Amino acid sequence: MNKSRRRFMMEMSALTVGATLVPLKEAQAMQPNRRGGSNDNRYGMLIDLRQCIGCQACTVSCTVENQTPLNQFRTTVRQYEVSDEAGNTVNNVLLPRLCNHCDNPPCVPVCPVQATYQRKDGIVVVDADACVACGYCVQACPYDARFINHETNTADKCTFCVHRLEAGLLPACVESCVGGARIIGDIKDANSVISKMLQEHADDIKVLKPEAGTVPHVFYLGLGDEFVNQIAGQPMLWQGLEAH
């Protein structure tokens, strides 16, 4: 950490001693203006759980593409155990996890230096050169989709591989998905695959934690109701969780 960043962190620590965290709803109301990208597009991702086989190709390709540190992931596929009232496992559910690129992202307004910001096309990104690793955005994310990169000492997360999108390529996780479970596209384009699927399966589309008011733009097809509001925890390769 350079001297200016260290000095900033010391000043922020002094200012926040004894202070309480800003409530989620209040933080969301303070959204800064979006910058970069284009208002003509709004990117989102649809994950078809009927096609996911849990192979972790997405996790591996993302790690290779974005060079994340060992045991830190921008996206993973987690395995959950669904148990009945007697405690017997009745089903195993594979659930890909990543940043939800919300329309009302609570991680953005809490950043004291606006290193975390949202583009006009909806993609939430991090300016690593400006990030001071305060961790406020990590705490604010209700999806536990952020982490402080151990090597760069900056906030890190999925960016929909925006560098690849701008080059006309698919995100690494989408390109490598064996079952074709991940579909990314422009929701403002009525002819895009994702727009057509969202319309065709409108009654079956779900998002995680809708009650948080974040308006997630990662959509799930085939997600059980028991997972909509009970998902918690940093994405890991495999973790059992009972959901009744």
Protein backbone atom coordinates (compact mmCIF):
# COMPACT_ATOMS: atom_id res chain seq x y z
CA MET A 1 0.00 0.00 0.00
CA ASN A 2 1.50 3.38 -0.99
CA LYS A 3 1.84 6.32 1.41
CA SER A 4 -1.14 8.29 0.09
CA ARG A 5 -3.41 5.26 0.34
CA ARG A 6 -2.16 4.43 3.83
CA ARG A 7 -2.73 8.03 4.95
CA PHE A 8 -6.25 7.98 3.54
CA MET A 9 -7.04 4.77 5.40
CA MET A 10 -5.79 6.25 8.67
CA GLU A 11 -7.97 9.32 8.18
CA MET A 12 -11.01 7.20 7.33
CA SER A 13 -10.44 5.04 10.42
CA ALA A 14 -10.30 8.11 12.63
CA LEU A 15 -13.52 9.45 11.16
CA THR A 16 -15.44 6.24 11.54
CA VAL A 17 -14.50 5.22 15.09
CA GLY A 18 -17.75 4.58 16.93
CA ALA A 19 -19.85 5.26 13.86
CA THR A 20 -22.58 2.89 12.73
CA LEU A 21 -22.89 1.50 9.24
CA VAL A 22 -25.22 3.35 6.89
CA PRO A 23 -28.48 1.39 6.54
CA LEU A 24 -28.83 -0.44 3.21
CA LYS A 25 -31.94 1.45 2.09
CA GLU A 26 -30.35 4.80 2.94
CA ALA A 27 -27.15 3.95 1.12
CA GLN A 28 -29.02 2.90 -2.00
CA ALA A 29 -30.80 6.25 -2.11
CA MET A 30 -27.43 8.00 -2.53
CA GLN A 31 -26.45 6.38 -5.84
CA PRO A 32 -23.84 8.44 -7.74
CA ASN A 33 -24.20 9.08 -11.46
CA ARG A 34 -23.20 6.19 -13.69
CA ARG A 35 -20.15 6.64 -15.86
CA GLY A 36 -18.61 4.81 -18.80
CA GLY A 37 -20.37 2.37 -21.07
CA SER A 38 -23.50 3.31 -23.01
CA ASN A 39 -27.10 3.99 -22.05
CA ASP A 40 -28.09 2.10 -25.18
CA ASN A 41 -27.29 -1.21 -23.47
CA ARG A 42 -28.20 -2.95 -20.23
CA TYR A 43 -26.31 -6.18 -19.70
CA GLY A 44 -27.67 -9.03 -17.64
CA MET A 45 -27.06 -12.74 -17.21
CA LEU A 46 -29.54 -15.60 -17.16
CA ILE A 47 -28.42 -18.83 -15.51
CA ASP A 48 -30.43 -21.86 -16.55
CA LEU A 49 -30.05 -24.24 -13.63
CA ARG A 50 -31.62 -27.01 -15.70
CA GLN A 51 -28.42 -27.05 -17.76
CA CYS A 52 -25.78 -26.59 -15.04
CA ILE A 53 -23.85 -29.79 -14.28
CA GLY A 54 -21.56 -28.37 -11.61
CA CYS A 55 -18.36 -28.98 -13.55
CA GLN A 56 -16.75 -25.75 -12.28
CA ALA A 57 -15.45 -24.90 -15.77
CA CYS A 58 -16.78 -21.38 -15.18
CA THR A 59 -14.82 -21.08 -11.94
CA VAL A 60 -11.59 -22.26 -13.54
CA SER A 61 -11.88 -20.16 -16.69
CA CYS A 62 -12.74 -17.05 -14.67
CA THR A 63 -9.72 -17.61 -12.44
CA VAL A 64 -7.44 -18.00 -15.44
CA GLU A 65 -8.92 -15.02 -17.29
CA ASN A 66 -8.89 -12.63 -14.36
CA GLN A 67 -5.86 -13.99 -12.47
CA THR A 68 -7.52 -14.09 -9.07
CA PRO A 69 -5.45 -15.31 -6.09
CA LEU A 70 -5.55 -18.86 -4.78
CA ASN A 71 -8.86 -19.60 -3.02
CA GLN A 72 -10.44 -16.30 -4.08
CA PHE A 73 -13.11 -16.47 -6.77
CA ARG A 74 -15.21 -14.05 -8.79
CA THR A 75 -17.67 -16.79 -9.58
CA THR A 76 -18.24 -20.34 -8.36
CA VAL A 77 -20.82 -23.08 -8.47
CA ARG A 78 -21.90 -24.05 -4.98
CA GLN A 79 -23.60 -27.25 -4.02
CA TYR A 80 -26.42 -27.14 -1.51
CA GLU A 81 -28.17 -30.00 0.21
CA VAL A 82 -31.92 -29.75 0.58
CA SER A 83 -33.17 -31.70 3.58
CA ASP A 84 -36.63 -32.71 4.70
CA GLU A 85 -38.01 -32.16 8.20
CA ALA A 86 -36.41 -35.40 9.40
CA GLY A 87 -32.99 -34.18 8.28
CA ASN A 88 -32.74 -36.53 5.35
CA THR A 89 -31.10 -35.18 2.20
CA VAL A 90 -33.70 -35.20 -0.53
CA ASN A 91 -31.97 -33.17 -3.21
CA ASN A 92 -28.68 -31.57 -4.20
CA VAL A 93 -28.85 -28.18 -5.88
CA LEU A 94 -26.10 -26.61 -7.96
CA LEU A 95 -26.16 -22.83 -7.78
CA PRO A 96 -23.72 -20.59 -9.70
CA ARG A 97 -22.88 -17.44 -7.74
CA LEU A 98 -21.42 -14.10 -8.87
CA CYS A 99 -21.93 -10.35 -8.64
CA ASN A 100 -25.54 -9.54 -9.51
CA HIS A 101 -24.77 -6.19 -11.22
CA CYS A 102 -27.81 -4.71 -9.51
CA ASP A 103 -29.72 -1.71 -10.77
CA ASN A 104 -29.53 -0.33 -7.24
CA PRO A 105 -26.14 -1.59 -6.04
CA PRO A 106 -25.47 -0.87 -2.34
CA CYS A 107 -21.73 -1.35 -2.90
CA VAL A 108 -21.44 1.82 -5.00
CA PRO A 109 -22.57 4.67 -2.71
CA VAL A 110 -20.58 3.39 0.29
CA CYS A 111 -17.25 3.65 -1.55
CA PRO A 112 -15.54 6.76 -0.10
CA VAL A 113 -13.41 7.35 -3.22
CA GLN A 114 -15.90 6.15 -5.88
CA ALA A 115 -13.51 3.41 -6.91
CA THR A 116 -16.53 1.13 -7.17
CA TYR A 117 -18.94 2.54 -9.72
CA GLN A 118 -21.65 1.48 -12.11
CA ARG A 119 -21.39 1.96 -15.84
CA LYS A 120 -24.30 3.25 -17.89
CA ASP A 121 -24.81 -0.25 -19.26
CA GLY A 122 -25.39 -1.55 -15.72
CA ILE A 123 -22.07 -3.31 -15.17
CA VAL A 124 -20.55 -2.63 -11.75
CA VAL A 125 -16.76 -2.34 -11.83
CA VAL A 126 -13.84 -1.40 -9.59
CA ASP A 127 -11.12 1.12 -10.39
CA ALA A 128 -8.18 -0.68 -8.79
CA ASP A 129 -5.99 2.43 -9.04
CA ALA A 130 -8.41 4.39 -6.87
CA CYS A 131 -9.46 1.62 -4.45
CA VAL A 132 -8.17 2.03 -0.87
CA ALA A 133 -9.23 -1.44 0.30
CA CYS A 134 -11.46 -0.09 3.07
CA GLY A 135 -13.81 -3.04 2.59
CA TYR A 136 -17.02 -1.00 2.83
CA CYS A 137 -18.27 -2.37 -0.48
CA VAL A 138 -17.55 -5.94 0.65
CA GLN A 139 -19.69 -5.40 3.74
CA ALA A 140 -22.48 -3.68 1.82
CA CYS A 141 -23.00 -6.45 -0.75
CA PRO A 142 -25.94 -8.65 0.33
CA TYR A 143 -24.73 -11.42 -2.00
CA ASP A 144 -21.23 -11.74 -0.55
CA ALA A 145 -19.93 -11.42 -4.10
CA ARG A 146 -16.97 -9.16 -3.27
CA PHE A 147 -13.62 -9.70 -1.62
CA ILE A 148 -10.37 -7.90 -0.98
CA ASN A 149 -7.84 -9.36 -3.38
CA HIS A 150 -4.91 -10.68 -1.31
CA GLU A 151 -2.39 -9.86 -4.03
CA THR A 152 -3.54 -6.43 -5.23
CA ASN A 153 -5.00 -5.30 -1.88
CA THR A 154 -8.02 -3.88 -3.70
CA ALA A 155 -11.68 -4.80 -3.93
CA ASP A 156 -12.35 -7.52 -6.48
CA LYS A 157 -15.48 -9.02 -8.05
CA CYS A 158 -17.10 -10.27 -11.24
CA THR A 159 -17.27 -7.62 -13.95
CA PHE A 160 -19.08 -9.72 -16.57
CA CYS A 161 -15.59 -9.74 -18.14
CA VAL A 162 -16.33 -6.26 -19.47
CA HIS A 163 -12.95 -6.19 -21.21
CA ARG A 164 -14.06 -9.17 -23.27
CA LEU A 165 -17.54 -7.78 -23.96
CA GLU A 166 -16.02 -4.58 -25.33
CA ALA A 167 -13.88 -6.71 -27.66
CA GLY A 168 -16.94 -8.56 -28.93
CA LEU A 169 -16.22 -11.69 -26.89
CA LEU A 170 -18.25 -13.59 -24.31
CA PRO A 171 -17.25 -13.58 -20.63
CA ALA A 172 -14.90 -16.43 -19.80
CA CYS A 173 -17.51 -18.22 -17.67
CA VAL A 174 -20.11 -18.09 -20.45
CA GLU A 175 -17.72 -19.25 -23.14
CA SER A 176 -16.52 -22.21 -21.08
CA CYS A 177 -19.90 -23.37 -19.74
CA VAL A 178 -20.21 -27.00 -20.82
CA GLY A 179 -23.99 -27.12 -20.50
CA GLY A 180 -24.67 -23.68 -21.95
CA ALA A 181 -26.25 -22.68 -18.66
CA ARG A 182 -24.97 -19.10 -18.68
CA ILE A 183 -26.49 -16.63 -21.09
CA ILE A 184 -25.39 -13.01 -21.19
CA GLY A 185 -26.81 -10.28 -23.34
CA ASP A 186 -28.34 -6.86 -23.76
CA ILE A 187 -31.75 -6.73 -22.10
CA LYS A 188 -32.59 -3.56 -24.02
CA ASP A 189 -32.31 -5.54 -27.24
CA ALA A 190 -35.66 -7.28 -27.69
CA ASN A 191 -34.07 -9.70 -30.16
CA SER A 192 -31.27 -10.85 -27.87
CA VAL A 193 -31.36 -14.42 -26.59
CA ILE A 194 -31.57 -13.31 -22.99
CA SER A 195 -34.51 -10.97 -23.68
CA LYS A 196 -36.43 -13.72 -25.46
CA MET A 197 -35.75 -16.23 -22.68
CA LEU A 198 -36.75 -13.78 -19.96
CA GLN A 199 -40.01 -13.19 -21.78
CA GLU A 200 -40.65 -16.84 -22.56
CA HIS A 201 -40.00 -18.00 -18.99
CA ALA A 202 -41.26 -14.91 -17.18
CA ASP A 203 -43.27 -16.90 -14.64
CA ASP A 204 -40.28 -19.04 -13.68
CA ILE A 205 -37.54 -16.43 -13.49
CA LYS A 206 -36.20 -15.67 -10.00
CA VAL A 207 -33.47 -13.51 -8.47
CA LEU A 208 -31.65 -13.82 -5.16
CA LYS A 209 -32.81 -11.74 -2.21
CA PRO A 210 -35.38 -9.58 -4.02
CA GLU A 211 -36.43 -8.10 -0.66
CA ALA A 212 -33.07 -6.27 -0.47
CA GLY A 213 -34.29 -3.85 -3.14
CA THR A 214 -31.11 -4.14 -5.17
CA VAL A 215 -32.89 -5.16 -8.40
CA PRO A 216 -30.40 -7.89 -9.40
CA HIS A 217 -29.62 -8.47 -13.06
CA VAL A 218 -28.46 -12.05 -12.68
CA PHE A 219 -31.58 -14.12 -13.26
CA TYR A 220 -32.14 -17.79 -12.47
CA LEU A 221 -34.32 -20.27 -14.30
CA GLY A 222 -35.17 -23.39 -12.33
CA LEU A 223 -34.35 -21.97 -8.89
CA GLY A 224 -36.39 -23.36 -6.00
CA ASP A 225 -38.28 -20.92 -3.78
CA GLU A 226 -36.33 -22.12 -0.73
CA PHE A 227 -33.16 -20.51 -2.13
CA VAL A 228 -34.51 -17.10 -3.05
CA ASN A 229 -34.11 -15.52 0.38
CA GLN A 230 -31.86 -17.91 2.31
CA ILE A 231 -28.60 -17.71 0.39
CA ALA A 232 -25.67 -16.44 2.44
CA GLY A 233 -21.91 -16.81 2.59
CA GLN A 234 -18.89 -16.15 0.43
CA PRO A 235 -18.91 -18.33 -2.71
CA MET A 236 -16.80 -21.46 -2.26
CA LEU A 237 -16.17 -24.53 -4.37
CA TRP A 238 -18.42 -26.82 -2.34
CA GLN A 239 -20.44 -26.18 0.77
CA GLY A 240 -23.42 -28.04 2.19
CA LEU A 241 -26.37 -26.01 3.44
CA GLU A 242 -29.70 -27.25 4.64
CA ALA A 243 -32.70 -25.40 3.26
CA HIS A 244 -36.17 -26.38 4.39
